[in-house]
Amino acid sequence: MFKLIVVSLLLVVVGSDAFTNPIALNAPDPWMVYYKGFYHLIATTWSNYFGIRKARTLAGLKSAQNQVVYRFSGHSGWAPEIHQVNEKWYLYYTSCGPNTNTDDVACHRNRVAESAGDDPMGPYTHKADLIDSDDVFELDPSLIKINGKHYLIASFIPDIQKLYIRELTNPYTLARGEKHLLSEPTFDWESDGGSVNEGPEPLYHNNRTFVVYSAGYCDTENYKLGLLEFIGRDPLNISDWRKYPNPVFQKNISRGVYGPGHNGFFKSPDGRDDWIVYHANDSPNGHCDMNRTSRAQKFRWGADGLPVFGVPEAEGVELQAPSGE
């Protein structure tokens, strides 16, 4: 009897070090940070608020409450991200303003809110609209730091959907000048269902700076990730960026994962490992809607210094939790 009890206890301990995907339902465009002992997961709501799920483990996010941290004027908020600059957190997002609908070009606009203190849970208040003078759709803002300066990277649609980069004077103020082209669909795989570059996300490793972006139409199973690398001196000069010719993360039919994309990155609790968080569908008939789920998995770095994301893990498969949990 005593041996059976010991074995049972050991099984419980081993099981507690694992998790399964998805880590959150109805949570597209996920972004995650690990801060002061907790994971913080924020995702699209397509409503006039954003919430954050907070838990000590990845497994715990699945049952964590989506606590509202910010309400804004208008409707249809999506692609939220939180970035810490000094003692504040800044929530970057896209929304439609009051009295607009999603067909209006003035609807898709990038904005930023600021936290009251150093807690990622906020509360947040509106800080600024990050709006250029041109009358085009803008969406999916993120913050990237290069050579000590902050830049806004995002997507816009002057004709087809492209990526741009814009210098900032601080986390909430656009510098003088216009946006600069960062990437546009040039490969066939970037035009599955529609010519799209969106969701640019910063990634840093060994003094190299990357941007991982989503390509193709999000309403298809072929939504996927591409890779850019800063290789020059001027981030505003497109020739100082290298665009890699092949997708770096895409669907896996054998594992039942379709349309993986719009990702973020976070470190394991002990800082040793790199992880990707992303959304995906469990069917080739899935759509660009709130049914997409948030998922996470560890990735490695290749001998060439490039990220190796592998293939998306299947739902329900037990995965080792991040080191240091």
Protein backbone atom coordinates (compact mmCIF):
# COMPACT_ATOMS: atom_id res chain seq x y z
CA MET A 1 0.00 0.00 0.00
CA PHE A 2 2.80 2.44 0.94
CA LYS A 3 4.60 1.87 -2.39
CA LEU A 4 1.43 2.54 -4.34
CA ILE A 5 0.91 5.82 -2.53
CA VAL A 6 4.50 6.92 -3.27
CA VAL A 7 4.14 6.05 -6.96
CA SER A 8 0.88 8.00 -7.16
CA LEU A 9 2.48 11.06 -5.59
CA LEU A 10 5.39 10.88 -8.03
CA LEU A 11 2.99 10.77 -10.96
CA VAL A 12 1.26 13.90 -9.71
CA VAL A 13 4.58 15.74 -9.44
CA VAL A 14 5.66 14.72 -12.95
CA GLY A 15 2.29 15.69 -14.40
CA SER A 16 2.49 19.13 -12.80
CA ASP A 17 5.56 19.94 -14.93
CA ALA A 18 3.63 19.58 -18.19
CA PHE A 19 0.96 21.38 -20.17
CA THR A 20 -1.11 20.83 -23.30
CA ASN A 21 -2.14 23.14 -26.11
CA PRO A 22 -4.21 25.16 -26.47
CA ILE A 23 -3.38 27.31 -23.46
CA ALA A 24 -6.40 29.60 -24.01
CA LEU A 25 -9.61 29.30 -26.01
CA ASN A 26 -11.10 32.15 -28.06
CA ALA A 27 -7.81 34.02 -27.93
CA PRO A 28 -6.40 35.01 -31.34
CA ASP A 29 -3.36 37.27 -31.84
CA PRO A 30 -1.79 36.31 -28.49
CA TRP A 31 1.03 38.14 -26.75
CA MET A 32 2.75 36.90 -23.59
CA VAL A 33 5.24 38.15 -21.01
CA TYR A 34 6.65 36.43 -17.94
CA TYR A 35 7.02 38.96 -15.14
CA LYS A 36 7.60 38.62 -11.40
CA GLY A 37 6.62 34.97 -11.22
CA PHE A 38 3.58 35.07 -13.50
CA TYR A 39 2.71 34.56 -17.15
CA HIS A 40 0.55 37.36 -18.57
CA LEU A 41 -1.41 36.53 -21.75
CA ILE A 42 -3.32 39.16 -23.70
CA ALA A 43 -5.23 38.55 -26.94
CA THR A 44 -7.74 40.00 -29.38
CA THR A 45 -11.31 40.55 -28.15
CA TRP A 46 -12.98 42.38 -31.06
CA SER A 47 -14.77 44.38 -28.41
CA ASN A 48 -14.09 47.66 -26.56
CA TYR A 49 -11.85 46.14 -23.89
CA PHE A 50 -8.77 44.00 -23.38
CA GLY A 51 -8.21 41.43 -20.68
CA ILE A 52 -5.15 39.62 -19.36
CA ARG A 53 -4.97 36.01 -18.18
CA LYS A 54 -2.46 35.65 -15.32
CA ALA A 55 -1.06 32.38 -13.95
CA ARG A 56 2.09 30.94 -12.37
CA THR A 57 2.22 28.11 -14.95
CA LEU A 58 1.38 27.73 -18.62
CA ALA A 59 -1.08 25.00 -17.67
CA GLY A 60 -2.76 27.43 -15.28
CA LEU A 61 -3.57 29.90 -18.07
CA LYS A 62 -6.23 27.53 -19.38
CA SER A 63 -8.45 28.16 -16.35
CA ALA A 64 -7.30 31.71 -15.57
CA GLN A 65 -9.86 34.50 -15.65
CA ASN A 66 -9.54 36.96 -18.50
CA GLN A 67 -9.39 40.03 -16.25
CA VAL A 68 -10.32 43.32 -17.92
CA VAL A 69 -7.40 45.78 -17.66
CA TYR A 70 -8.46 48.42 -20.18
CA ARG A 71 -11.64 49.77 -21.75
CA PHE A 72 -11.49 52.23 -24.61
CA SER A 73 -13.75 54.48 -26.61
CA GLY A 74 -14.88 52.83 -29.81
CA HIS A 75 -15.17 49.18 -30.76
CA SER A 76 -13.46 46.17 -32.33
CA GLY A 77 -10.09 46.06 -30.60
CA TRP A 78 -7.47 43.56 -31.72
CA ALA A 79 -3.76 42.66 -31.81
CA PRO A 80 -2.90 43.91 -28.29
CA GLU A 81 0.66 43.78 -26.95
CA ILE A 82 2.20 44.99 -23.70
CA HIS A 83 5.79 46.27 -23.61
CA GLN A 84 7.69 47.53 -20.58
CA VAL A 85 9.67 50.75 -20.97
CA ASN A 86 11.32 52.01 -17.80
CA GLU A 87 8.75 51.75 -14.99
CA LYS A 88 5.64 51.70 -17.20
CA TRP A 89 3.85 49.19 -19.39
CA TYR A 90 2.50 50.28 -22.76
CA LEU A 91 -0.42 48.50 -24.39
CA TYR A 92 -0.27 48.78 -28.19
CA TYR A 93 -3.39 47.81 -30.12
CA THR A 94 -5.62 48.47 -33.12
CA SER A 95 -9.21 49.61 -32.82
CA CYS A 96 -12.05 51.28 -34.63
CA GLY A 97 -13.05 54.64 -33.25
CA PRO A 98 -16.54 55.74 -32.22
CA ASN A 99 -19.15 56.03 -34.96
CA THR A 100 -17.14 53.94 -37.44
CA ASN A 101 -17.53 50.49 -38.92
CA THR A 102 -14.91 48.03 -40.06
CA ASP A 103 -15.32 49.07 -43.71
CA ASP A 104 -14.20 52.64 -43.01
CA VAL A 105 -10.54 53.39 -43.79
CA ALA A 106 -10.47 55.59 -40.68
CA CYS A 107 -11.49 52.59 -38.58
CA HIS A 108 -8.25 50.63 -38.51
CA ARG A 109 -5.95 52.78 -36.41
CA ASN A 110 -3.06 52.04 -34.07
CA ARG A 111 -3.17 53.33 -30.51
CA VAL A 112 -1.32 53.02 -27.21
CA ALA A 113 -2.39 53.00 -23.57
CA GLU A 114 -0.19 53.43 -20.49
CA SER A 115 -0.20 51.56 -17.18
CA ALA A 116 -0.66 53.32 -13.86
CA GLY A 117 2.48 51.66 -12.47
CA ASP A 118 4.85 48.76 -13.07
CA ASP A 119 2.16 46.05 -12.96
CA PRO A 120 1.35 44.45 -16.36
CA MET A 121 -2.23 44.06 -15.09
CA GLY A 122 -2.64 47.83 -15.26
CA PRO A 123 -4.99 49.54 -15.03
CA TYR A 124 -4.34 51.27 -18.36
CA THR A 125 -5.49 54.62 -19.70
CA HIS A 126 -5.40 55.95 -23.25
CA LYS A 127 -2.11 57.69 -24.00
CA ALA A 128 -2.01 58.45 -27.74
CA ASP A 129 -3.22 57.63 -31.23
CA LEU A 130 -0.33 56.52 -33.42
CA ILE A 131 -1.81 57.86 -36.64
CA ASP A 132 0.00 59.04 -39.75
CA SER A 133 -1.42 61.68 -42.04
CA ASP A 134 -2.19 59.29 -44.89
CA ASP A 135 -5.70 57.86 -45.07
CA VAL A 136 -4.98 54.14 -45.11
CA PHE A 137 -5.70 51.15 -42.92
CA GLU A 138 -3.10 50.67 -40.20
CA LEU A 139 -3.01 47.70 -37.81
CA ASP A 140 -0.95 45.28 -35.68
CA PRO A 141 1.45 47.70 -33.92
CA SER A 142 4.51 46.48 -32.04
CA LEU A 143 7.52 48.10 -30.41
CA ILE A 144 11.07 47.26 -31.46
CA LYS A 145 14.34 48.63 -30.06
CA ILE A 146 17.36 49.00 -32.33
CA ASN A 147 20.64 50.72 -31.43
CA GLY A 148 19.07 52.24 -28.33
CA LYS A 149 16.08 53.76 -30.17
CA HIS A 150 12.45 52.69 -30.18
CA TYR A 151 10.53 52.18 -33.40
CA LEU A 152 6.94 51.33 -34.21
CA ILE A 153 6.53 48.40 -36.58
CA ALA A 154 3.07 47.67 -37.95
CA SER A 155 1.05 46.79 -41.03
CA PHE A 156 -0.72 49.12 -43.45
CA ILE A 157 -2.78 48.79 -46.61
CA PRO A 158 -2.12 51.45 -49.23
CA ASP A 159 -2.92 48.88 -51.96
CA ILE A 160 -1.82 45.46 -50.72
CA GLN A 161 -1.00 44.78 -47.09
CA LYS A 162 2.61 45.66 -46.21
CA LEU A 163 4.82 46.23 -43.18
CA TYR A 164 6.25 49.58 -42.19
CA ILE A 165 8.64 50.97 -39.58
CA ARG A 166 8.34 54.38 -37.92
CA GLU A 167 10.71 56.12 -35.52
CA LEU A 168 9.37 57.11 -32.09
CA THR A 169 10.59 59.89 -29.81
CA ASN A 170 9.17 57.99 -26.83
CA PRO A 171 6.88 54.92 -26.50
CA TYR A 172 3.79 56.98 -27.38
CA THR A 173 4.96 59.73 -29.75
CA LEU A 174 5.72 59.43 -33.46
CA ALA A 175 8.90 61.16 -34.58
CA ARG A 176 8.76 63.63 -37.43
CA GLY A 177 8.71 62.17 -40.90
CA GLU A 178 6.74 59.45 -42.58
CA LYS A 179 6.56 55.70 -42.24
CA HIS A 180 9.11 53.61 -44.15
CA LEU A 181 8.46 50.37 -46.00
CA LEU A 182 9.81 47.33 -44.17
CA SER A 183 8.39 44.45 -46.23
CA GLU A 184 5.74 43.68 -48.81
CA PRO A 185 4.53 40.35 -50.24
CA THR A 186 7.09 39.23 -52.82
CA PHE A 187 7.00 35.43 -52.52
CA ASP A 188 4.16 33.18 -53.62
CA TRP A 189 3.64 31.85 -50.09
CA GLU A 190 2.96 35.39 -48.87
CA SER A 191 -0.10 35.60 -51.10
CA ASP A 192 -2.08 32.46 -50.19
CA GLY A 193 -5.65 33.72 -50.21
CA GLY A 194 -4.46 37.31 -50.46
CA SER A 195 -1.22 39.32 -50.55
CA VAL A 196 -0.58 40.03 -46.88
CA ASN A 197 2.30 40.96 -44.56
CA GLU A 198 1.04 41.71 -41.04
CA GLY A 199 1.64 41.08 -37.32
CA PRO A 200 5.36 42.03 -37.21
CA GLU A 201 7.00 40.89 -33.94
CA PRO A 202 10.50 41.68 -32.61
CA LEU A 203 12.91 38.89 -31.72
CA TYR A 204 16.44 39.39 -30.34
CA HIS A 205 19.27 36.88 -29.98
CA ASN A 206 23.06 37.16 -29.67
CA ASN A 207 23.10 40.82 -30.73
CA ARG A 208 20.99 40.09 -33.79
CA THR A 209 17.57 41.64 -34.38
CA PHE A 210 14.78 39.87 -36.22
CA VAL A 211 11.18 40.55 -37.15
CA VAL A 212 8.85 37.57 -37.45
CA TYR A 213 5.69 38.41 -39.38
CA SER A 214 2.49 36.75 -40.55
CA ALA A 215 1.84 36.19 -44.25
CA GLY A 216 -1.10 35.17 -46.41
CA TYR A 217 -4.76 35.67 -45.62
CA CYS A 218 -5.71 34.85 -42.01
CA ASP A 219 -8.99 33.30 -43.13
CA THR A 220 -7.17 30.39 -44.77
CA GLU A 221 -5.35 27.31 -43.48
CA ASN A 222 -2.16 28.61 -45.12
CA TYR A 223 -1.59 31.57 -42.82
CA LYS A 224 2.08 31.29 -41.77
CA LEU A 225 5.18 33.08 -40.48
CA GLY A 226 8.06 34.70 -42.33
CA LEU A 227 11.37 36.18 -41.16
CA LEU A 228 13.26 39.47 -41.56
CA GLU A 229 16.66 40.35 -40.11
CA PHE A 230 18.25 43.77 -39.54
CA ILE A 231 21.70 43.60 -41.13
CA GLY A 232 22.68 47.23 -41.67
CA ARG A 233 22.90 50.55 -39.87
CA ASP A 234 19.63 52.33 -40.60
CA PRO A 235 16.40 50.53 -39.59
CA LEU A 236 14.41 52.95 -41.78
CA ASN A 237 16.23 51.79 -44.91
CA ILE A 238 14.68 48.66 -46.37
CA SER A 239 18.01 47.65 -47.94
CA ASP A 240 19.39 47.25 -44.41
CA TRP A 241 16.96 44.37 -43.82
CA ARG A 242 17.27 40.82 -45.12
CA LYS A 243 14.11 38.97 -46.05
CA TYR A 244 14.39 35.19 -45.90
CA PRO A 245 12.84 33.35 -48.87
CA ASN A 246 10.99 30.56 -47.07
CA PRO A 247 8.30 30.46 -44.37
CA VAL A 248 9.61 29.61 -40.90
CA PHE A 249 6.39 28.23 -39.34
CA GLN A 250 3.29 26.87 -41.04
CA LYS A 251 0.43 24.36 -40.88
CA ASN A 252 0.97 20.71 -40.11
CA ILE A 253 -1.81 18.50 -41.41
CA SER A 254 -0.64 15.35 -39.62
CA ARG A 255 -0.90 17.17 -36.29
CA GLY A 256 -4.17 18.88 -37.11
CA VAL A 257 -2.86 22.45 -36.84
CA TYR A 258 -3.92 25.01 -39.45
CA GLY A 259 -3.19 28.68 -40.04
CA PRO A 260 -0.60 29.22 -37.28
CA GLY A 261 0.35 32.86 -37.05
CA HIS A 262 0.27 36.26 -35.34
CA ASN A 263 2.72 35.30 -32.66
CA GLY A 264 4.76 36.68 -29.79
CA PHE A 265 7.85 35.54 -27.88
CA PHE A 266 8.65 35.05 -24.21
CA LYS A 267 11.39 33.59 -22.02
CA SER A 268 11.10 30.64 -19.65
CA PRO A 269 10.95 31.61 -15.95
CA ASP A 270 14.68 30.93 -15.50
CA GLY A 271 15.54 32.87 -18.66
CA ARG A 272 17.26 29.89 -20.31
CA ASP A 273 14.82 29.01 -23.08
CA ASP A 274 12.93 30.84 -25.81
CA TRP A 275 9.25 30.23 -26.44
CA ILE A 276 6.78 31.23 -29.13
CA VAL A 277 3.10 31.92 -28.49
CA TYR A 278 0.76 31.94 -31.50
CA HIS A 279 -2.79 31.25 -32.57
CA ALA A 280 -4.08 28.49 -34.83
CA ASN A 281 -7.18 26.60 -35.91
CA ASP A 282 -7.85 22.87 -35.48
CA SER A 283 -9.54 22.54 -38.88
CA PRO A 284 -8.70 23.52 -42.47
CA ASN A 285 -12.13 25.13 -42.51
CA GLY A 286 -11.33 27.47 -39.63
CA HIS A 287 -11.65 31.19 -40.09
CA CYS A 288 -10.09 34.50 -39.08
CA ASP A 289 -12.32 34.80 -36.03
CA MET A 290 -12.53 34.38 -32.26
CA ASN A 291 -12.53 30.58 -32.52
CA ARG A 292 -8.75 30.60 -32.94
CA THR A 293 -6.86 29.41 -29.87
CA SER A 294 -3.61 30.48 -28.21
CA ARG A 295 -0.80 27.92 -28.18
CA ALA A 296 2.82 27.88 -26.98
CA GLN A 297 5.94 25.83 -27.60
CA LYS A 298 9.68 26.00 -27.09
CA PHE A 299 11.99 26.71 -30.02
CA ARG A 300 15.74 26.54 -30.58
CA TRP A 301 18.43 28.39 -32.47
CA GLY A 302 20.28 26.90 -35.44
CA ALA A 303 24.02 26.84 -36.06
CA ASP A 304 23.51 29.79 -38.45
CA GLY A 305 22.00 31.84 -35.62
CA LEU A 306 18.49 31.74 -37.02
CA PRO A 307 15.41 30.70 -35.05
CA VAL A 308 14.17 27.15 -35.63
CA PHE A 309 10.49 26.96 -34.72
CA GLY A 310 9.93 23.41 -35.96
CA VAL A 311 6.32 22.40 -36.56
CA PRO A 312 3.26 23.33 -34.50
CA GLU A 313 2.46 20.81 -31.77
CA ALA A 314 -0.84 18.93 -31.83
CA GLU A 315 -3.64 19.71 -29.42
CA GLY A 316 -3.79 17.63 -26.27
CA VAL A 317 -0.22 16.32 -26.47
CA GLU A 318 1.59 16.65 -23.14
CA LEU A 319 4.56 19.03 -23.47
CA GLN A 320 7.31 19.80 -20.98
CA ALA A 321 6.63 23.06 -19.17
CA PRO A 322 9.13 25.93 -19.50
CA SER A 323 12.29 25.49 -17.43
CA GLY A 324 12.14 27.13 -14.05
CA GLU A 325 8.40 26.75 -13.48
